[in-house]
Amino acid sequence: MTERKPTPEQLLQQVESEEQYQSRGRLKVFLGYASGVGKSFRMIDEGRRRYERGQDVVVGAVQPDLSPDVRHAISALEVIPLKAVNGKLVMDVETILLRHPGVCLVDGLAYDNPPGSPHEKRWQDVQQLLEAGISVITSVNLQHIAEKREQVEAITGKHVSQTVPLSFVRTADEIVIVDAPPDTCMRISEDGNPDTVKQLSQQQLSELREIALLLAADVVDEQLEHYLARHGIQQVWGTQERILVCLSPRVDAKRMIDSAARNRDRFHGELIAVHLNRPDWAPEEREAVERGVELARQKNAEIVELDGEDPVDTVLRFARRRGITQIYVGHKGRDSLWERAFGSDLDRLISTSDGFDVRVFPHS
């Protein structure tokens, strides 16, 4: 096999890309999918541990109201005081640049700066620090990512005006999703006041967490692409997920299809919605399935009507024929004595679905 050598233009691009990478500070983002997961504490604690290992760490900006844990973690670190611009406190970028630490901690990445500031947004302040060779550890909530704001607002009902572009978050060298038990998220916010948090259900928190996981995966993909480009490595593989959503009268079609569409878009795959045509369905059951079909059509899913007496065998035959990788199904639980004793169609589907990931969406 003849090795393909890079062209002079490609070599120059690699050298320039590597030089730019080495001169720029590293960006680490702690991403919270809901208030109260503790992203500010994780950010400060990361700085404290780096300081104890001998790194030059300063705090450039932190939330005004800190929990006791955060106050304790920050006590050992050098804090660059905020400065007043038109009566509002902002990060003192000039002082930080002169001090030129190895690492700067910046909370509240989505904050807007007042008129008269060098930059309109705090994330632009961070960008300037990175370009100066200062590494930054920062934090942001999912709802403040501009491209995710409407999606999160639809789940939480809470609107925010201050945002960070997803393109900036994708420049991160490392992204960490700050996870916490749902009951913690529902009990307390980062400022320690439980009254400031809108009560979120387990389902809402799960949906937010899924969005955050997909976003983080996108950032990791971006990191990989940049690494390959810097080292002149050509990516020769592709990602292909084929997701099958099984529609029936009593499933939570919107939740299933929304989740499947997000995964389809994330993995640049295919989305197929299938349903059986059962003669024993009542008119309202047929209408429910048609509503699900219309939702799937709006997400540009392929719609397939299946024929077969046994729903499990019919779905699995179709899935194997089409190379499906994930199957989404709804399930109510075992209501009948027969199902409790001998199992259900879902049990059969899971036990015979070798090669497929089966995701179950409970419904009432």
Protein backbone atom coordinates (compact mmCIF):
# COMPACT_ATOMS: atom_id res chain seq x y z
CA MET A 1 0.00 0.00 0.00
CA THR A 2 1.36 3.43 -0.98
CA GLU A 3 1.27 5.97 1.81
CA ARG A 4 -0.43 9.17 0.79
CA LYS A 5 1.80 12.13 1.70
CA PRO A 6 0.29 15.49 2.65
CA THR A 7 0.66 18.36 0.21
CA PRO A 8 2.74 21.43 1.16
CA GLU A 9 -0.51 23.38 1.64
CA GLN A 10 -1.82 20.72 4.03
CA LEU A 11 1.45 20.71 5.98
CA LEU A 12 1.35 24.50 6.29
CA GLN A 13 -2.25 24.36 7.48
CA GLN A 14 -1.32 21.75 10.10
CA VAL A 15 1.59 23.84 11.39
CA GLU A 16 -0.53 27.01 11.57
CA SER A 17 -3.35 25.12 13.30
CA GLU A 18 -0.98 23.63 15.87
CA GLU A 19 0.68 27.02 16.54
CA GLN A 20 -2.70 28.64 17.06
CA TYR A 21 -3.74 25.82 19.39
CA GLN A 22 -0.57 26.08 21.48
CA SER A 23 -0.79 29.88 21.83
CA ARG A 24 -4.41 29.89 22.93
CA GLY A 25 -5.61 29.22 26.47
CA ARG A 26 -7.65 26.09 27.19
CA LEU A 27 -11.39 26.38 27.81
CA LYS A 28 -13.21 24.08 30.22
CA VAL A 29 -16.99 24.41 30.61
CA PHE A 30 -19.12 23.07 33.46
CA LEU A 31 -22.60 22.70 31.98
CA GLY A 32 -25.62 22.53 34.28
CA TYR A 33 -28.85 21.12 32.85
CA ALA A 34 -30.95 22.62 35.66
CA SER A 35 -30.58 25.07 38.53
CA GLY A 36 -29.21 23.54 41.68
CA VAL A 37 -26.93 20.88 40.19
CA GLY A 38 -23.87 22.64 41.67
CA LYS A 39 -21.95 23.80 38.60
CA SER A 40 -20.51 26.87 40.41
CA PHE A 41 -19.16 24.67 43.20
CA ARG A 42 -17.64 22.22 40.71
CA MET A 43 -15.96 25.09 38.88
CA ILE A 44 -14.50 26.64 42.05
CA ASP A 45 -13.48 23.25 43.43
CA GLU A 46 -11.64 22.47 40.20
CA GLY A 47 -9.74 25.77 40.59
CA ARG A 48 -8.94 25.00 44.22
CA ARG A 49 -7.52 21.57 43.34
CA ARG A 50 -5.42 23.03 40.53
CA TYR A 51 -4.10 25.70 42.91
CA GLU A 52 -3.13 23.02 45.42
CA ARG A 53 -1.23 21.23 42.63
CA GLY A 54 0.81 24.39 42.06
CA GLN A 55 -1.02 26.07 39.17
CA ASP A 56 -1.46 29.85 39.09
CA VAL A 57 -5.22 30.28 39.56
CA VAL A 58 -7.34 33.40 40.04
CA VAL A 59 -11.08 34.03 40.26
CA GLY A 60 -12.20 36.52 37.61
CA ALA A 61 -15.93 36.48 38.26
CA VAL A 62 -18.26 34.66 40.60
CA GLN A 63 -21.94 34.86 41.49
CA PRO A 64 -22.75 37.52 44.14
CA ASP A 65 -24.65 35.13 46.42
CA LEU A 66 -22.59 32.06 47.23
CA SER A 67 -23.56 28.91 49.09
CA PRO A 68 -21.44 27.97 52.13
CA ASP A 69 -19.70 25.21 50.14
CA VAL A 70 -18.68 27.63 47.38
CA ARG A 71 -17.51 30.27 49.90
CA HIS A 72 -15.32 27.67 51.59
CA ALA A 73 -13.84 26.45 48.30
CA ILE A 74 -13.06 29.98 47.11
CA SER A 75 -11.42 31.12 50.37
CA ALA A 76 -7.95 29.88 49.40
CA LEU A 77 -7.95 31.47 45.94
CA GLU A 78 -6.91 34.91 44.72
CA VAL A 79 -9.96 36.91 43.65
CA ILE A 80 -9.65 39.72 41.10
CA PRO A 81 -12.27 42.26 42.26
CA LEU A 82 -15.04 43.19 39.85
CA LYS A 83 -15.06 46.76 38.58
CA ALA A 84 -17.97 49.16 38.18
CA VAL A 85 -19.05 50.25 34.70
CA ASN A 86 -22.04 52.59 34.59
CA GLY A 87 -23.08 51.42 38.04
CA LYS A 88 -22.87 47.71 37.24
CA LEU A 89 -20.13 45.30 38.39
CA VAL A 90 -18.30 43.50 35.58
CA MET A 91 -15.22 41.35 35.23
CA ASP A 92 -11.99 43.39 35.24
CA VAL A 93 -10.49 41.98 32.04
CA GLU A 94 -7.67 44.53 31.89
CA THR A 95 -6.39 43.63 35.37
CA ILE A 96 -6.61 39.91 34.61
CA LEU A 97 -4.63 40.40 31.39
CA LEU A 98 -1.94 42.32 33.28
CA ARG A 99 -1.85 39.71 36.03
CA HIS A 100 -1.82 36.97 33.33
CA PRO A 101 -2.54 33.92 35.51
CA GLY A 102 -2.32 30.38 34.22
CA VAL A 103 -6.02 29.77 34.90
CA CYS A 104 -8.96 32.14 35.43
CA LEU A 105 -12.30 31.03 36.89
CA VAL A 106 -15.31 32.78 35.36
CA ASP A 107 -18.82 32.12 36.63
CA GLY A 108 -21.95 33.34 34.86
CA LEU A 109 -20.67 32.97 31.29
CA ALA A 110 -23.94 34.30 29.82
CA TYR A 111 -23.93 37.65 31.64
CA ASP A 112 -24.44 40.83 29.61
CA ASN A 113 -22.00 43.68 30.16
CA PRO A 114 -23.35 47.24 30.53
CA PRO A 115 -22.95 49.91 27.83
CA GLY A 116 -19.45 51.32 27.87
CA SER A 117 -17.76 47.95 28.36
CA PRO A 118 -15.17 46.74 25.83
CA HIS A 119 -17.40 43.75 25.06
CA GLU A 120 -21.16 43.35 25.04
CA LYS A 121 -21.10 39.85 26.55
CA ARG A 122 -19.06 38.12 29.24
CA TRP A 123 -18.31 35.18 26.95
CA GLN A 124 -16.53 37.69 24.71
CA ASP A 125 -14.41 38.72 27.72
CA VAL A 126 -13.53 35.05 28.13
CA GLN A 127 -12.65 34.82 24.45
CA GLN A 128 -10.18 37.68 24.89
CA LEU A 129 -8.55 35.91 27.85
CA LEU A 130 -8.21 32.71 25.83
CA GLU A 131 -6.64 34.54 22.91
CA ALA A 132 -4.13 36.04 25.35
CA GLY A 133 -3.06 32.53 26.37
CA ILE A 134 -4.97 32.41 29.69
CA SER A 135 -6.88 29.19 30.31
CA VAL A 136 -10.45 29.64 31.54
CA ILE A 137 -12.73 27.40 33.58
CA THR A 138 -16.30 28.60 33.36
CA SER A 139 -19.90 27.57 34.00
CA VAL A 140 -23.21 27.98 32.21
CA ASN A 141 -26.73 26.60 32.45
CA LEU A 142 -28.30 24.81 29.50
CA GLN A 143 -31.10 27.38 29.25
CA HIS A 144 -28.51 30.09 28.51
CA ILE A 145 -27.22 28.38 25.35
CA ALA A 146 -28.79 30.52 22.64
CA GLU A 147 -29.72 27.70 20.27
CA LYS A 148 -31.22 25.62 23.13
CA ARG A 149 -33.15 28.44 24.85
CA GLU A 150 -36.54 27.87 23.18
CA GLN A 151 -36.31 24.10 23.60
CA VAL A 152 -35.54 24.44 27.31
CA GLU A 153 -38.18 27.13 27.77
CA ALA A 154 -40.80 24.78 26.32
CA ILE A 155 -39.91 22.28 29.04
CA THR A 156 -39.46 24.58 32.03
CA GLY A 157 -41.69 27.54 31.15
CA LYS A 158 -38.87 29.87 32.19
CA HIS A 159 -37.56 32.53 29.78
CA VAL A 160 -34.04 33.92 29.88
CA SER A 161 -32.64 36.84 27.91
CA GLN A 162 -28.89 36.44 28.46
CA THR A 163 -27.31 33.79 26.26
CA VAL A 164 -24.08 32.30 24.95
CA PRO A 165 -23.82 31.15 21.31
CA LEU A 166 -23.44 27.42 20.84
CA SER A 167 -20.54 28.11 18.48
CA PHE A 168 -18.51 29.45 21.42
CA VAL A 169 -19.33 26.48 23.66
CA ARG A 170 -18.17 24.20 20.84
CA THR A 171 -14.70 25.73 21.06
CA ALA A 172 -14.29 24.21 24.54
CA ASP A 173 -11.36 21.86 25.02
CA GLU A 174 -13.33 20.07 27.71
CA ILE A 175 -16.98 20.05 28.74
CA VAL A 176 -18.38 18.50 31.91
CA ILE A 177 -22.07 17.94 32.57
CA VAL A 178 -22.72 18.57 36.24
CA ASP A 179 -25.12 15.87 37.32
CA ALA A 180 -27.16 15.68 40.51
CA PRO A 181 -30.09 13.64 41.80
CA PRO A 182 -33.40 15.08 40.56
CA ASP A 183 -34.68 15.68 44.10
CA THR A 184 -31.65 17.93 44.73
CA CYS A 185 -32.41 19.94 41.61
CA MET A 186 -36.01 20.37 42.69
CA ARG A 187 -35.15 21.34 46.27
CA ILE A 188 -32.51 24.00 46.06
CA SER A 189 -30.94 26.47 43.69
CA GLU A 190 -27.31 27.48 43.44
CA ASP A 191 -27.83 30.56 45.59
CA GLY A 192 -29.11 28.39 48.41
CA ASN A 193 -32.69 29.63 48.22
CA PRO A 194 -35.23 26.87 47.50
CA ASP A 195 -37.92 29.44 46.71
CA THR A 196 -36.10 30.58 43.55
CA VAL A 197 -36.41 27.25 41.77
CA LYS A 198 -39.38 26.27 39.65
CA GLN A 199 -40.38 22.77 40.65
CA LEU A 200 -39.45 20.40 37.83
CA SER A 201 -40.77 16.91 37.44
CA GLN A 202 -38.61 13.85 36.99
CA GLN A 203 -39.62 13.73 33.33
CA GLN A 204 -38.68 17.38 32.76
CA LEU A 205 -35.28 16.87 34.38
CA SER A 206 -34.71 13.76 32.26
CA GLU A 207 -35.50 15.71 29.09
CA LEU A 208 -33.14 18.53 30.08
CA ARG A 209 -30.41 16.05 30.91
CA GLU A 210 -30.79 14.37 27.54
CA ILE A 211 -30.42 17.71 25.73
CA ALA A 212 -27.30 18.47 27.76
CA LEU A 213 -25.79 15.06 27.00
CA LEU A 214 -26.35 15.51 23.27
CA LEU A 215 -24.83 19.00 23.39
CA ALA A 216 -21.78 17.69 25.23
CA ALA A 217 -21.40 14.92 22.66
CA ASP A 218 -21.43 17.56 19.91
CA VAL A 219 -18.59 19.40 21.67
CA VAL A 220 -16.59 16.17 21.94
CA ASP A 221 -17.10 15.59 18.20
CA GLU A 222 -15.85 19.11 17.54
CA GLN A 223 -12.77 18.47 19.67
CA LEU A 224 -12.06 15.30 17.69
CA GLU A 225 -12.40 17.09 14.36
CA HIS A 226 -9.98 19.82 15.47
CA TYR A 227 -7.50 17.23 16.71
CA LEU A 228 -7.63 15.35 13.41
CA ALA A 229 -7.21 18.59 11.46
CA ARG A 230 -4.17 19.66 13.54
CA HIS A 231 -2.49 16.30 12.97
CA GLY A 232 -3.43 15.90 9.33
CA ILE A 233 -5.59 12.84 9.97
CA GLN A 234 -8.49 12.30 7.61
CA GLN A 235 -11.68 11.01 9.19
CA VAL A 236 -12.82 8.04 7.13
CA TRP A 237 -15.74 6.77 9.12
CA GLY A 238 -19.29 7.96 9.46
CA THR A 239 -21.96 7.69 12.09
CA GLN A 240 -25.27 6.15 11.15
CA GLU A 241 -28.06 5.59 13.65
CA ARG A 242 -31.40 4.28 12.47
CA ILE A 243 -34.08 4.97 15.04
CA LEU A 244 -37.46 3.23 14.94
CA VAL A 245 -40.41 4.75 16.84
CA CYS A 246 -43.33 2.38 17.38
CA LEU A 247 -46.63 4.27 17.45
CA SER A 248 -49.77 2.90 19.07
CA PRO A 249 -52.95 4.49 20.49
CA ARG A 250 -51.75 4.95 24.07
CA VAL A 251 -48.07 5.95 23.76
CA ASP A 252 -46.71 9.39 24.57
CA ALA A 253 -46.02 10.02 20.89
CA LYS A 254 -44.73 13.58 21.24
CA ARG A 255 -42.17 12.73 23.89
CA MET A 256 -40.93 9.69 21.96
CA ILE A 257 -40.70 11.48 18.61
CA ASP A 258 -39.04 14.60 20.06
CA SER A 259 -36.40 12.46 21.74
CA ALA A 260 -35.87 10.32 18.64
CA ALA A 261 -35.55 13.39 16.41
CA ARG A 262 -32.91 14.88 18.70
CA ASN A 263 -30.90 11.67 18.52
CA ARG A 264 -31.40 11.43 14.77
CA ASP A 265 -30.07 14.96 14.31
CA ARG A 266 -27.22 14.40 16.73
CA PHE A 267 -26.00 11.25 14.97
CA HIS A 268 -26.95 12.36 11.45
CA GLY A 269 -29.02 9.23 11.17
CA GLU A 270 -32.48 8.15 10.08
CA LEU A 271 -35.84 8.32 11.86
CA ILE A 272 -38.61 5.92 10.99
CA ALA A 273 -42.07 5.87 12.61
CA VAL A 274 -44.08 2.67 12.25
CA HIS A 275 -47.59 1.70 13.22
CA LEU A 276 -49.80 -1.30 12.73
CA ASN A 277 -53.21 -1.20 11.12
CA ARG A 278 -55.39 -3.05 13.60
CA PRO A 279 -59.03 -3.67 12.64
CA ASP A 280 -60.04 -3.84 16.31
CA TRP A 281 -59.01 -0.25 17.05
CA ALA A 282 -61.78 2.14 18.03
CA PRO A 283 -62.10 5.46 16.10
CA GLU A 284 -60.47 7.43 18.93
CA GLU A 285 -57.54 4.98 18.94
CA ARG A 286 -57.04 5.45 15.21
CA GLU A 287 -57.14 9.22 15.71
CA ALA A 288 -54.47 8.97 18.40
CA VAL A 289 -52.19 7.02 16.07
CA GLU A 290 -52.80 9.52 13.26
CA ARG A 291 -51.81 12.36 15.58
CA GLY A 292 -48.57 10.54 16.28
CA VAL A 293 -48.02 9.99 12.56
CA GLU A 294 -48.50 13.71 11.91
CA LEU A 295 -46.00 14.60 14.65
CA ALA A 296 -43.49 12.21 13.10
CA ARG A 297 -44.10 13.69 9.66
CA GLN A 298 -43.39 17.18 11.03
CA LYS A 299 -40.00 15.87 12.19
CA ASN A 300 -39.31 14.58 8.67
CA ALA A 301 -39.55 10.96 9.74
CA GLU A 302 -40.24 8.18 7.29
CA ILE A 303 -43.74 6.78 7.94
CA VAL A 304 -44.34 3.05 7.50
CA GLU A 305 -47.54 1.11 8.07
CA LEU A 306 -46.84 -2.50 9.03
CA ASP A 307 -49.07 -5.54 8.50
CA GLY A 308 -48.85 -8.58 10.73
CA GLU A 309 -50.76 -10.55 13.30
CA ASP A 310 -47.99 -10.59 15.93
CA PRO A 311 -46.81 -7.02 16.68
CA VAL A 312 -43.46 -8.08 18.16
CA ASP A 313 -42.49 -10.36 15.28
CA THR A 314 -43.68 -7.77 12.76
CA VAL A 315 -41.64 -4.95 14.28
CA LEU A 316 -38.51 -7.07 14.67
CA ARG A 317 -38.66 -8.37 11.10
CA PHE A 318 -38.92 -4.80 9.82
CA ALA A 319 -36.14 -3.61 12.14
CA ARG A 320 -33.73 -6.31 10.95
CA ARG A 321 -34.57 -5.66 7.32
CA ARG A 322 -33.89 -1.92 7.67
CA GLY A 323 -30.78 -2.17 9.87
CA ILE A 324 -32.40 -0.41 12.83
CA THR A 325 -30.09 0.39 15.78
CA GLN A 326 -32.58 1.82 18.32
CA ILE A 327 -36.24 0.98 18.96
CA TYR A 328 -38.48 3.39 20.90
CA VAL A 329 -41.61 1.90 22.45
CA GLY A 330 -44.26 3.03 24.93
CA HIS A 331 -45.39 0.89 27.85
CA LYS A 332 -48.04 1.27 30.50
CA GLY A 333 -47.01 -1.52 32.84
CA ARG A 334 -48.53 -4.86 33.76
CA ASP A 335 -52.17 -4.27 34.52
CA SER A 336 -53.56 -7.72 33.91
CA LEU A 337 -53.00 -10.90 35.90
CA TRP A 338 -51.88 -12.61 32.69
CA GLU A 339 -49.12 -10.06 32.03
CA ARG A 340 -47.96 -10.18 35.64
CA ALA A 341 -47.69 -13.96 35.44
CA PHE A 342 -46.43 -14.56 31.91
CA GLY A 343 -44.98 -11.26 30.74
CA SER A 344 -45.96 -8.80 28.06
CA ASP A 345 -45.19 -7.95 24.44
CA LEU A 346 -42.53 -5.59 25.78
CA ASP A 347 -40.81 -8.45 27.60
CA ARG A 348 -40.82 -10.47 24.38
CA LEU A 349 -39.49 -7.52 22.39
CA ILE A 350 -36.61 -6.93 24.79
CA SER A 351 -35.71 -10.62 25.14
CA THR A 352 -35.64 -11.21 21.37
CA SER A 353 -34.15 -7.89 20.22
CA ASP A 354 -30.51 -8.92 19.91
CA GLY A 355 -28.58 -6.17 18.16
CA PHE A 356 -31.05 -3.40 19.01
CA ASP A 357 -31.16 -0.87 21.83
CA VAL A 358 -34.74 -0.78 23.14
CA ARG A 359 -35.78 2.41 24.90
CA VAL A 360 -39.02 2.28 26.89
CA PHE A 361 -41.19 5.37 27.46
CA PRO A 362 -43.73 4.86 30.26
CA HIS A 363 -47.20 6.34 29.71
CA SER A 364 -50.28 6.70 31.82
